[in-house]
Amino acid sequence: PISIDSSASGSDRVISKLSLGFWVSMT
């Protein structure tokens, strides 16, 4: 699980942990 918060540092951590599959699926 990736804990999410709305702060800049929190979102940066989430972005760095999301898999390549997540980003590929966006298209």
mmCIF file of all heavy atoms, coordinates in Angstrom:
data_MODEL
# 
_entry.id   MODEL 
# 
loop_
_atom_site.group_PDB 
_atom_site.id 
_atom_site.type_symbol 
_atom_site.label_atom_id 
_atom_site.label_alt_id 
_atom_site.label_comp_id 
_atom_site.label_asym_id 
_atom_site.label_entity_id 
_atom_site.label_seq_id 
_atom_site.pdbx_PDB_ins_code 
_atom_site.Cartn_x 
_atom_site.Cartn_y 
_atom_site.Cartn_z 
_atom_site.occupancy 
_atom_site.B_iso_or_equiv 
_atom_site.pdbx_formal_charge 
_atom_site.auth_seq_id 
_atom_site.auth_comp_id 
_atom_site.auth_asym_id 
_atom_site.auth_atom_id 
_atom_site.pdbx_PDB_model_num 
ATOM 1   N N   . PRO A 1 1  ? 0.823  -1.215 0.000   1.00 0.00 ? 1  PRO A N   1 
ATOM 2   C CA  . PRO A 1 1  ? 0.000  0.000  0.000   1.00 0.00 ? 1  PRO A CA  1 
ATOM 3   C C   . PRO A 1 1  ? 0.847  1.251  0.000   1.00 0.00 ? 1  PRO A C   1 
ATOM 4   O O   . PRO A 1 1  ? 1.930  1.282  0.569   1.00 0.00 ? 1  PRO A O   1 
ATOM 5   C CB  . PRO A 1 1  ? -0.790 -0.115 1.309   1.00 0.00 ? 1  PRO A CB  1 
ATOM 6   C CG  . PRO A 1 1  ? 0.075  -0.958 2.178   1.00 0.00 ? 1  PRO A CG  1 
ATOM 7   C CD  . PRO A 1 1  ? 0.780  -1.929 1.267   1.00 0.00 ? 1  PRO A CD  1 
ATOM 8   N N   . ILE A 1 2  ? 0.361  2.277  -0.672  1.00 0.00 ? 2  ILE A N   1 
ATOM 9   C CA  . ILE A 1 2  ? 1.037  3.570  -0.709  1.00 0.00 ? 2  ILE A CA  1 
ATOM 10  C C   . ILE A 1 2  ? 0.153  4.570  0.028   1.00 0.00 ? 2  ILE A C   1 
ATOM 11  O O   . ILE A 1 2  ? -0.958 4.865  -0.397  1.00 0.00 ? 2  ILE A O   1 
ATOM 12  C CB  . ILE A 1 2  ? 1.257  4.042  -2.151  1.00 0.00 ? 2  ILE A CB  1 
ATOM 13  C CG1 . ILE A 1 2  ? 2.130  3.040  -2.914  1.00 0.00 ? 2  ILE A CG1 1 
ATOM 14  C CG2 . ILE A 1 2  ? 1.881  5.423  -2.187  1.00 0.00 ? 2  ILE A CG2 1 
ATOM 15  C CD1 . ILE A 1 2  ? 2.209  3.357  -4.384  1.00 0.00 ? 2  ILE A CD1 1 
ATOM 16  N N   . SER A 1 3  ? 0.617  5.072  1.138   1.00 0.00 ? 3  SER A N   1 
ATOM 17  C CA  . SER A 1 3  ? -0.153 6.060  1.881   1.00 0.00 ? 3  SER A CA  1 
ATOM 18  C C   . SER A 1 3  ? -0.162 7.376  1.123   1.00 0.00 ? 3  SER A C   1 
ATOM 19  O O   . SER A 1 3  ? 0.866  7.826  0.633   1.00 0.00 ? 3  SER A O   1 
ATOM 20  C CB  . SER A 1 3  ? 0.459  6.259  3.272   1.00 0.00 ? 3  SER A CB  1 
ATOM 21  O OG  . SER A 1 3  ? 0.360  5.062  4.013   1.00 0.00 ? 3  SER A OG  1 
ATOM 22  N N   . ILE A 1 4  ? -1.326 7.964  1.047   1.00 0.00 ? 4  ILE A N   1 
ATOM 23  C CA  . ILE A 1 4  ? -1.480 9.202  0.292   1.00 0.00 ? 4  ILE A CA  1 
ATOM 24  C C   . ILE A 1 4  ? -1.817 10.353 1.220   1.00 0.00 ? 4  ILE A C   1 
ATOM 25  O O   . ILE A 1 4  ? -2.663 10.229 2.091   1.00 0.00 ? 4  ILE A O   1 
ATOM 26  C CB  . ILE A 1 4  ? -2.584 9.062  -0.772  1.00 0.00 ? 4  ILE A CB  1 
ATOM 27  C CG1 . ILE A 1 4  ? -2.133 8.082  -1.859  1.00 0.00 ? 4  ILE A CG1 1 
ATOM 28  C CG2 . ILE A 1 4  ? -2.944 10.398 -1.386  1.00 0.00 ? 4  ILE A CG2 1 
ATOM 29  C CD1 . ILE A 1 4  ? -3.167 7.870  -2.919  1.00 0.00 ? 4  ILE A CD1 1 
ATOM 30  N N   . ASP A 1 5  ? -1.139 11.464 1.049   1.00 0.00 ? 5  ASP A N   1 
ATOM 31  C CA  . ASP A 1 5  ? -1.596 12.707 1.653   1.00 0.00 ? 5  ASP A CA  1 
ATOM 32  C C   . ASP A 1 5  ? -1.494 13.785 0.593   1.00 0.00 ? 5  ASP A C   1 
ATOM 33  O O   . ASP A 1 5  ? -0.895 13.596 -0.451  1.00 0.00 ? 5  ASP A O   1 
ATOM 34  C CB  . ASP A 1 5  ? -0.800 13.055 2.917   1.00 0.00 ? 5  ASP A CB  1 
ATOM 35  C CG  . ASP A 1 5  ? 0.665  13.314 2.637   1.00 0.00 ? 5  ASP A CG  1 
ATOM 36  O OD1 . ASP A 1 5  ? 0.952  14.202 1.814   1.00 0.00 ? 5  ASP A OD1 1 
ATOM 37  O OD2 . ASP A 1 5  ? 1.523  12.653 3.247   1.00 0.00 ? 5  ASP A OD2 1 
ATOM 38  N N   . SER A 1 6  ? -2.119 14.913 0.840   1.00 0.00 ? 6  SER A N   1 
ATOM 39  C CA  . SER A 1 6  ? -2.230 15.930 -0.208  1.00 0.00 ? 6  SER A CA  1 
ATOM 40  C C   . SER A 1 6  ? -1.100 16.937 -0.190  1.00 0.00 ? 6  SER A C   1 
ATOM 41  O O   . SER A 1 6  ? -1.105 17.885 -0.977  1.00 0.00 ? 6  SER A O   1 
ATOM 42  C CB  . SER A 1 6  ? -3.572 16.665 -0.065  1.00 0.00 ? 6  SER A CB  1 
ATOM 43  O OG  . SER A 1 6  ? -3.654 17.269 1.222   1.00 0.00 ? 6  SER A OG  1 
ATOM 44  N N   . SER A 1 7  ? -0.123 16.768 0.686   1.00 0.00 ? 7  SER A N   1 
ATOM 45  C CA  . SER A 1 7  ? 0.997  17.709 0.727   1.00 0.00 ? 7  SER A CA  1 
ATOM 46  C C   . SER A 1 7  ? 1.928  17.463 -0.448  1.00 0.00 ? 7  SER A C   1 
ATOM 47  O O   . SER A 1 7  ? 1.899  16.412 -1.079  1.00 0.00 ? 7  SER A O   1 
ATOM 48  C CB  . SER A 1 7  ? 1.782  17.531 2.034   1.00 0.00 ? 7  SER A CB  1 
ATOM 49  O OG  . SER A 1 7  ? 2.433  16.279 2.062   1.00 0.00 ? 7  SER A OG  1 
ATOM 50  N N   . ALA A 1 8  ? 2.776  18.448 -0.733  1.00 0.00 ? 8  ALA A N   1 
ATOM 51  C CA  . ALA A 1 8  ? 3.716  18.316 -1.845  1.00 0.00 ? 8  ALA A CA  1 
ATOM 52  C C   . ALA A 1 8  ? 4.660  17.147 -1.624  1.00 0.00 ? 8  ALA A C   1 
ATOM 53  O O   . ALA A 1 8  ? 4.896  16.343 -2.526  1.00 0.00 ? 8  ALA A O   1 
ATOM 54  C CB  . ALA A 1 8  ? 4.508  19.614 -2.017  1.00 0.00 ? 8  ALA A CB  1 
ATOM 55  N N   . SER A 1 9  ? 5.195  17.037 -0.406  1.00 0.00 ? 9  SER A N   1 
ATOM 56  C CA  . SER A 1 9  ? 6.126  15.944 -0.134  1.00 0.00 ? 9  SER A CA  1 
ATOM 57  C C   . SER A 1 9  ? 5.420  14.597 -0.194  1.00 0.00 ? 9  SER A C   1 
ATOM 58  O O   . SER A 1 9  ? 5.978  13.606 -0.661  1.00 0.00 ? 9  SER A O   1 
ATOM 59  C CB  . SER A 1 9  ? 6.793  16.134 1.230   1.00 0.00 ? 9  SER A CB  1 
ATOM 60  O OG  . SER A 1 9  ? 5.817  16.156 2.262   1.00 0.00 ? 9  SER A OG  1 
ATOM 61  N N   . GLY A 1 10 ? 4.157  14.562 0.282   1.00 0.00 ? 10 GLY A N   1 
ATOM 62  C CA  . GLY A 1 10 ? 3.403  13.318 0.243   1.00 0.00 ? 10 GLY A CA  1 
ATOM 63  C C   . GLY A 1 10 ? 3.109  12.880 -1.169  1.00 0.00 ? 10 GLY A C   1 
ATOM 64  O O   . GLY A 1 10 ? 3.270  11.712 -1.514  1.00 0.00 ? 10 GLY A O   1 
ATOM 65  N N   . SER A 1 11 ? 2.679  13.805 -2.011  1.00 0.00 ? 11 SER A N   1 
ATOM 66  C CA  . SER A 1 11 ? 2.372  13.456 -3.393  1.00 0.00 ? 11 SER A CA  1 
ATOM 67  C C   . SER A 1 11 ? 3.631  13.059 -4.149  1.00 0.00 ? 11 SER A C   1 
ATOM 68  O O   . SER A 1 11 ? 3.597  12.160 -4.998  1.00 0.00 ? 11 SER A O   1 
ATOM 69  C CB  . SER A 1 11 ? 1.679  14.627 -4.098  1.00 0.00 ? 11 SER A CB  1 
ATOM 70  O OG  . SER A 1 11 ? 2.511  15.779 -4.133  1.00 0.00 ? 11 SER A OG  1 
ATOM 71  N N   . ASP A 1 12 ? 4.756  13.688 -3.846  1.00 0.00 ? 12 ASP A N   1 
ATOM 72  C CA  . ASP A 1 12 ? 6.011  13.312 -4.498  1.00 0.00 ? 12 ASP A CA  1 
ATOM 73  C C   . ASP A 1 12 ? 6.368  11.865 -4.195  1.00 0.00 ? 12 ASP A C   1 
ATOM 74  O O   . ASP A 1 12 ? 6.840  11.134 -5.073  1.00 0.00 ? 12 ASP A O   1 
ATOM 75  C CB  . ASP A 1 12 ? 7.152  14.223 -4.030  1.00 0.00 ? 12 ASP A CB  1 
ATOM 76  C CG  . ASP A 1 12 ? 7.077  15.618 -4.629  1.00 0.00 ? 12 ASP A CG  1 
ATOM 77  O OD1 . ASP A 1 12 ? 6.319  15.790 -5.609  1.00 0.00 ? 12 ASP A OD1 1 
ATOM 78  O OD2 . ASP A 1 12 ? 7.757  16.528 -4.117  1.00 0.00 ? 12 ASP A OD2 1 
ATOM 79  N N   . ARG A 1 13 ? 6.150  11.441 -2.966  1.00 0.00 ? 13 ARG A N   1 
ATOM 80  C CA  . ARG A 1 13 ? 6.441  10.059 -2.601  1.00 0.00 ? 13 ARG A CA  1 
ATOM 81  C C   . ARG A 1 13 ? 5.535  9.095  -3.357  1.00 0.00 ? 13 ARG A C   1 
ATOM 82  O O   . ARG A 1 13 ? 5.971  8.042  -3.821  1.00 0.00 ? 13 ARG A O   1 
ATOM 83  C CB  . ARG A 1 13 ? 6.285  9.862  -1.089  1.00 0.00 ? 13 ARG A CB  1 
ATOM 84  C CG  . ARG A 1 13 ? 7.413  10.465 -0.265  1.00 0.00 ? 13 ARG A CG  1 
ATOM 85  C CD  . ARG A 1 13 ? 7.368  9.961  1.169   1.00 0.00 ? 13 ARG A CD  1 
ATOM 86  N NE  . ARG A 1 13 ? 6.154  10.341 1.861   1.00 0.00 ? 13 ARG A NE  1 
ATOM 87  C CZ  . ARG A 1 13 ? 6.001  11.483 2.527   1.00 0.00 ? 13 ARG A CZ  1 
ATOM 88  N NH1 . ARG A 1 13 ? 6.994  12.366 2.567   1.00 0.00 ? 13 ARG A NH1 1 
ATOM 89  N NH2 . ARG A 1 13 ? 4.870  11.756 3.146   1.00 0.00 ? 13 ARG A NH2 1 
ATOM 90  N N   . VAL A 1 14 ? 4.275  9.453  -3.475  1.00 0.00 ? 14 VAL A N   1 
ATOM 91  C CA  . VAL A 1 14 ? 3.332  8.602  -4.196  1.00 0.00 ? 14 VAL A CA  1 
ATOM 92  C C   . VAL A 1 14 ? 3.735  8.480  -5.662  1.00 0.00 ? 14 VAL A C   1 
ATOM 93  O O   . VAL A 1 14 ? 3.779  7.384  -6.220  1.00 0.00 ? 14 VAL A O   1 
ATOM 94  C CB  . VAL A 1 14 ? 1.901  9.148  -4.079  1.00 0.00 ? 14 VAL A CB  1 
ATOM 95  C CG1 . VAL A 1 14 ? 0.951  8.349  -4.962  1.00 0.00 ? 14 VAL A CG1 1 
ATOM 96  C CG2 . VAL A 1 14 ? 1.440  9.104  -2.631  1.00 0.00 ? 14 VAL A CG2 1 
ATOM 97  N N   . ILE A 1 15 ? 4.028  9.617  -6.283  1.00 0.00 ? 15 ILE A N   1 
ATOM 98  C CA  . ILE A 1 15 ? 4.403  9.622  -7.692  1.00 0.00 ? 15 ILE A CA  1 
ATOM 99  C C   . ILE A 1 15 ? 5.611  8.725  -7.926  1.00 0.00 ? 15 ILE A C   1 
ATOM 100 O O   . ILE A 1 15 ? 5.664  7.961  -8.898  1.00 0.00 ? 15 ILE A O   1 
ATOM 101 C CB  . ILE A 1 15 ? 4.710  11.068 -8.168  1.00 0.00 ? 15 ILE A CB  1 
ATOM 102 C CG1 . ILE A 1 15 ? 3.460  11.935 -8.111  1.00 0.00 ? 15 ILE A CG1 1 
ATOM 103 C CG2 . ILE A 1 15 ? 5.301  11.062 -9.581  1.00 0.00 ? 15 ILE A CG2 1 
ATOM 104 C CD1 . ILE A 1 15 ? 2.311  11.427 -8.940  1.00 0.00 ? 15 ILE A CD1 1 
ATOM 105 N N   . SER A 1 16 ? 6.583  8.786  -7.046  1.00 0.00 ? 16 SER A N   1 
ATOM 106 C CA  . SER A 1 16 ? 7.810  8.001  -7.232  1.00 0.00 ? 16 SER A CA  1 
ATOM 107 C C   . SER A 1 16 ? 7.586  6.513  -7.037  1.00 0.00 ? 16 SER A C   1 
ATOM 108 O O   . SER A 1 16 ? 8.370  5.701  -7.530  1.00 0.00 ? 16 SER A O   1 
ATOM 109 C CB  . SER A 1 16 ? 8.896  8.487  -6.265  1.00 0.00 ? 16 SER A CB  1 
ATOM 110 O OG  . SER A 1 16 ? 8.562  8.179  -4.929  1.00 0.00 ? 16 SER A OG  1 
ATOM 111 N N   . LYS A 1 17 ? 6.504  6.137  -6.333  1.00 0.00 ? 17 LYS A N   1 
ATOM 112 C CA  . LYS A 1 17 ? 6.273  4.724  -6.033  1.00 0.00 ? 17 LYS A CA  1 
ATOM 113 C C   . LYS A 1 17 ? 5.297  4.047  -6.988  1.00 0.00 ? 17 LYS A C   1 
ATOM 114 O O   . LYS A 1 17 ? 5.254  2.820  -7.058  1.00 0.00 ? 17 LYS A O   1 
ATOM 115 C CB  . LYS A 1 17 ? 5.753  4.577  -4.596  1.00 0.00 ? 17 LYS A CB  1 
ATOM 116 C CG  . LYS A 1 17 ? 6.798  4.893  -3.530  1.00 0.00 ? 17 LYS A CG  1 
ATOM 117 C CD  . LYS A 1 17 ? 6.227  4.760  -2.131  1.00 0.00 ? 17 LYS A CD  1 
ATOM 118 C CE  . LYS A 1 17 ? 7.252  5.099  -1.071  1.00 0.00 ? 17 LYS A CE  1 
ATOM 119 N NZ  . LYS A 1 17 ? 6.693  5.004  0.300   1.00 0.00 ? 17 LYS A NZ  1 
ATOM 120 N N   . LEU A 1 18 ? 4.506  4.823  -7.705  1.00 0.00 ? 18 LEU A N   1 
ATOM 121 C CA  . LEU A 1 18 ? 3.564  4.214  -8.642  1.00 0.00 ? 18 LEU A CA  1 
ATOM 122 C C   . LEU A 1 18 ? 4.326  3.491  -9.751  1.00 0.00 ? 18 LEU A C   1 
ATOM 123 O O   . LEU A 1 18 ? 5.309  3.989  -10.271 1.00 0.00 ? 18 LEU A O   1 
ATOM 124 C CB  . LEU A 1 18 ? 2.641  5.290  -9.234  1.00 0.00 ? 18 LEU A CB  1 
ATOM 125 C CG  . LEU A 1 18 ? 1.599  5.852  -8.268  1.00 0.00 ? 18 LEU A CG  1 
ATOM 126 C CD1 . LEU A 1 18 ? 0.909  7.060  -8.878  1.00 0.00 ? 18 LEU A CD1 1 
ATOM 127 C CD2 . LEU A 1 18 ? 0.580  4.780  -7.895  1.00 0.00 ? 18 LEU A CD2 1 
ATOM 128 N N   . SER A 1 19 ? 3.839  2.317  -10.105 1.00 0.00 ? 19 SER A N   1 
ATOM 129 C CA  . SER A 1 19 ? 4.556  1.480  -11.070 1.00 0.00 ? 19 SER A CA  1 
ATOM 130 C C   . SER A 1 19 ? 4.454  2.032  -12.484 1.00 0.00 ? 19 SER A C   1 
ATOM 131 O O   . SER A 1 19 ? 3.556  2.821  -12.813 1.00 0.00 ? 19 SER A O   1 
ATOM 132 C CB  . SER A 1 19 ? 3.988  0.062  -11.046 1.00 0.00 ? 19 SER A CB  1 
ATOM 133 O OG  . SER A 1 19 ? 2.705  0.038  -11.653 1.00 0.00 ? 19 SER A OG  1 
ATOM 134 N N   . LEU A 1 20 ? 5.355  1.575  -13.329 1.00 0.00 ? 20 LEU A N   1 
ATOM 135 C CA  . LEU A 1 20 ? 5.291  1.957  -14.743 1.00 0.00 ? 20 LEU A CA  1 
ATOM 136 C C   . LEU A 1 20 ? 3.968  1.501  -15.349 1.00 0.00 ? 20 LEU A C   1 
ATOM 137 O O   . LEU A 1 20 ? 3.410  2.180  -16.216 1.00 0.00 ? 20 LEU A O   1 
ATOM 138 C CB  . LEU A 1 20 ? 6.474  1.349  -15.498 1.00 0.00 ? 20 LEU A CB  1 
ATOM 139 C CG  . LEU A 1 20 ? 6.557  1.664  -16.992 1.00 0.00 ? 20 LEU A CG  1 
ATOM 140 C CD1 . LEU A 1 20 ? 6.590  3.165  -17.251 1.00 0.00 ? 20 LEU A CD1 1 
ATOM 141 C CD2 . LEU A 1 20 ? 7.775  0.981  -17.614 1.00 0.00 ? 20 LEU A CD2 1 
ATOM 142 N N   . GLY A 1 21 ? 3.467  0.369  -14.887 1.00 0.00 ? 21 GLY A N   1 
ATOM 143 C CA  . GLY A 1 21 ? 2.184  -0.107 -15.398 1.00 0.00 ? 21 GLY A CA  1 
ATOM 144 C C   . GLY A 1 21 ? 1.061  0.882  -15.154 1.00 0.00 ? 21 GLY A C   1 
ATOM 145 O O   . GLY A 1 21 ? 0.148  1.026  -15.978 1.00 0.00 ? 21 GLY A O   1 
ATOM 146 N N   . PHE A 1 22 ? 1.106  1.581  -14.037 1.00 0.00 ? 22 PHE A N   1 
ATOM 147 C CA  . PHE A 1 22 ? 0.104  2.604  -13.736 1.00 0.00 ? 22 PHE A CA  1 
ATOM 148 C C   . PHE A 1 22 ? 0.127  3.689  -14.807 1.00 0.00 ? 22 PHE A C   1 
ATOM 149 O O   . PHE A 1 22 ? -0.908 4.069  -15.364 1.00 0.00 ? 22 PHE A O   1 
ATOM 150 C CB  . PHE A 1 22 ? 0.386  3.202  -12.361 1.00 0.00 ? 22 PHE A CB  1 
ATOM 151 C CG  . PHE A 1 22 ? -0.563 4.309  -11.961 1.00 0.00 ? 22 PHE A CG  1 
ATOM 152 C CD1 . PHE A 1 22 ? -1.714 4.027  -11.255 1.00 0.00 ? 22 PHE A CD1 1 
ATOM 153 C CD2 . PHE A 1 22 ? -0.296 5.634  -12.286 1.00 0.00 ? 22 PHE A CD2 1 
ATOM 154 C CE1 . PHE A 1 22 ? -2.594 5.042  -10.863 1.00 0.00 ? 22 PHE A CE1 1 
ATOM 155 C CE2 . PHE A 1 22 ? -1.157 6.654  -11.911 1.00 0.00 ? 22 PHE A CE2 1 
ATOM 156 C CZ  . PHE A 1 22 ? -2.308 6.353  -11.204 1.00 0.00 ? 22 PHE A CZ  1 
ATOM 157 N N   . TRP A 1 23 ? 1.313  4.199  -15.093 1.00 0.00 ? 23 TRP A N   1 
ATOM 158 C CA  . TRP A 1 23 ? 1.436  5.297  -16.052 1.00 0.00 ? 23 TRP A CA  1 
ATOM 159 C C   . TRP A 1 23 ? 1.107  4.844  -17.468 1.00 0.00 ? 23 TRP A C   1 
ATOM 160 O O   . TRP A 1 23 ? 0.468  5.589  -18.237 1.00 0.00 ? 23 TRP A O   1 
ATOM 161 C CB  . TRP A 1 23 ? 2.840  5.892  -15.994 1.00 0.00 ? 23 TRP A CB  1 
ATOM 162 C CG  . TRP A 1 23 ? 3.188  6.384  -14.627 1.00 0.00 ? 23 TRP A CG  1 
ATOM 163 C CD1 . TRP A 1 23 ? 4.062  5.824  -13.733 1.00 0.00 ? 23 TRP A CD1 1 
ATOM 164 C CD2 . TRP A 1 23 ? 2.649  7.539  -13.964 1.00 0.00 ? 23 TRP A CD2 1 
ATOM 165 N NE1 . TRP A 1 23 ? 4.092  6.538  -12.569 1.00 0.00 ? 23 TRP A NE1 1 
ATOM 166 C CE2 . TRP A 1 23 ? 3.233  7.602  -12.674 1.00 0.00 ? 23 TRP A CE2 1 
ATOM 167 C CE3 . TRP A 1 23 ? 1.735  8.517  -14.319 1.00 0.00 ? 23 TRP A CE3 1 
ATOM 168 C CZ2 . TRP A 1 23 ? 2.935  8.608  -11.765 1.00 0.00 ? 23 TRP A CZ2 1 
ATOM 169 C CZ3 . TRP A 1 23 ? 1.428  9.525  -13.411 1.00 0.00 ? 23 TRP A CZ3 1 
ATOM 170 C CH2 . TRP A 1 23 ? 2.020  9.563  -12.154 1.00 0.00 ? 23 TRP A CH2 1 
ATOM 171 N N   . VAL A 1 24 ? 1.508  3.641  -17.839 1.00 0.00 ? 24 VAL A N   1 
ATOM 172 C CA  . VAL A 1 24 ? 1.191  3.119  -19.164 1.00 0.00 ? 24 VAL A CA  1 
ATOM 173 C C   . VAL A 1 24 ? -0.322 3.004  -19.332 1.00 0.00 ? 24 VAL A C   1 
ATOM 174 O O   . VAL A 1 24 ? -0.874 3.334  -20.391 1.00 0.00 ? 24 VAL A O   1 
ATOM 175 C CB  . VAL A 1 24 ? 1.869  1.750  -19.388 1.00 0.00 ? 24 VAL A CB  1 
ATOM 176 C CG1 . VAL A 1 24 ? 1.381  1.113  -20.692 1.00 0.00 ? 24 VAL A CG1 1 
ATOM 177 C CG2 . VAL A 1 24 ? 3.392  1.910  -19.435 1.00 0.00 ? 24 VAL A CG2 1 
ATOM 178 N N   . SER A 1 25 ? -1.002 2.562  -18.289 1.00 0.00 ? 25 SER A N   1 
ATOM 179 C CA  . SER A 1 25 ? -2.447 2.376  -18.370 1.00 0.00 ? 25 SER A CA  1 
ATOM 180 C C   . SER A 1 25 ? -3.200 3.686  -18.580 1.00 0.00 ? 25 SER A C   1 
ATOM 181 O O   . SER A 1 25 ? -4.341 3.682  -19.048 1.00 0.00 ? 25 SER A O   1 
ATOM 182 C CB  . SER A 1 25 ? -2.966 1.692  -17.105 1.00 0.00 ? 25 SER A CB  1 
ATOM 183 O OG  . SER A 1 25 ? -2.490 0.374  -17.025 1.00 0.00 ? 25 SER A OG  1 
ATOM 184 N N   . MET A 1 26 ? -2.575 4.799  -18.260 1.00 0.00 ? 26 MET A N   1 
ATOM 185 C CA  . MET A 1 26 ? -3.243 6.085  -18.449 1.00 0.00 ? 26 MET A CA  1 
ATOM 186 C C   . MET A 1 26 ? -3.485 6.420  -19.918 1.00 0.00 ? 26 MET A C   1 
ATOM 187 O O   . MET A 1 26 ? -4.300 7.295  -20.220 1.00 0.00 ? 26 MET A O   1 
ATOM 188 C CB  . MET A 1 26 ? -2.434 7.199  -17.793 1.00 0.00 ? 26 MET A CB  1 
ATOM 189 C CG  . MET A 1 26 ? -2.614 7.260  -16.296 1.00 0.00 ? 26 MET A CG  1 
ATOM 190 S SD  . MET A 1 26 ? -1.993 8.812  -15.604 1.00 0.00 ? 26 MET A SD  1 
ATOM 191 C CE  . MET A 1 26 ? -2.824 8.800  -14.002 1.00 0.00 ? 26 MET A CE  1 
ATOM 192 N N   . THR A 1 27 ? -2.787 5.735  -20.815 1.00 0.00 ? 27 THR A N   1 
ATOM 193 C CA  . THR A 1 27 ? -2.991 5.984  -22.243 1.00 0.00 ? 27 THR A CA  1 
ATOM 194 C C   . THR A 1 27 ? -3.851 4.906  -22.893 1.00 0.00 ? 27 THR A C   1 
ATOM 195 O O   . THR A 1 27 ? -3.948 4.850  -24.120 1.00 0.00 ? 27 THR A O   1 
ATOM 196 C CB  . THR A 1 27 ? -1.639 6.075  -22.975 1.00 0.00 ? 27 THR A CB  1 
ATOM 197 O OG1 . THR A 1 27 ? -0.849 4.905  -22.691 1.00 0.00 ? 27 THR A OG1 1 
ATOM 198 C CG2 . THR A 1 27 ? -0.873 7.310  -22.552 1.00 0.00 ? 27 THR A CG2 1 
# 
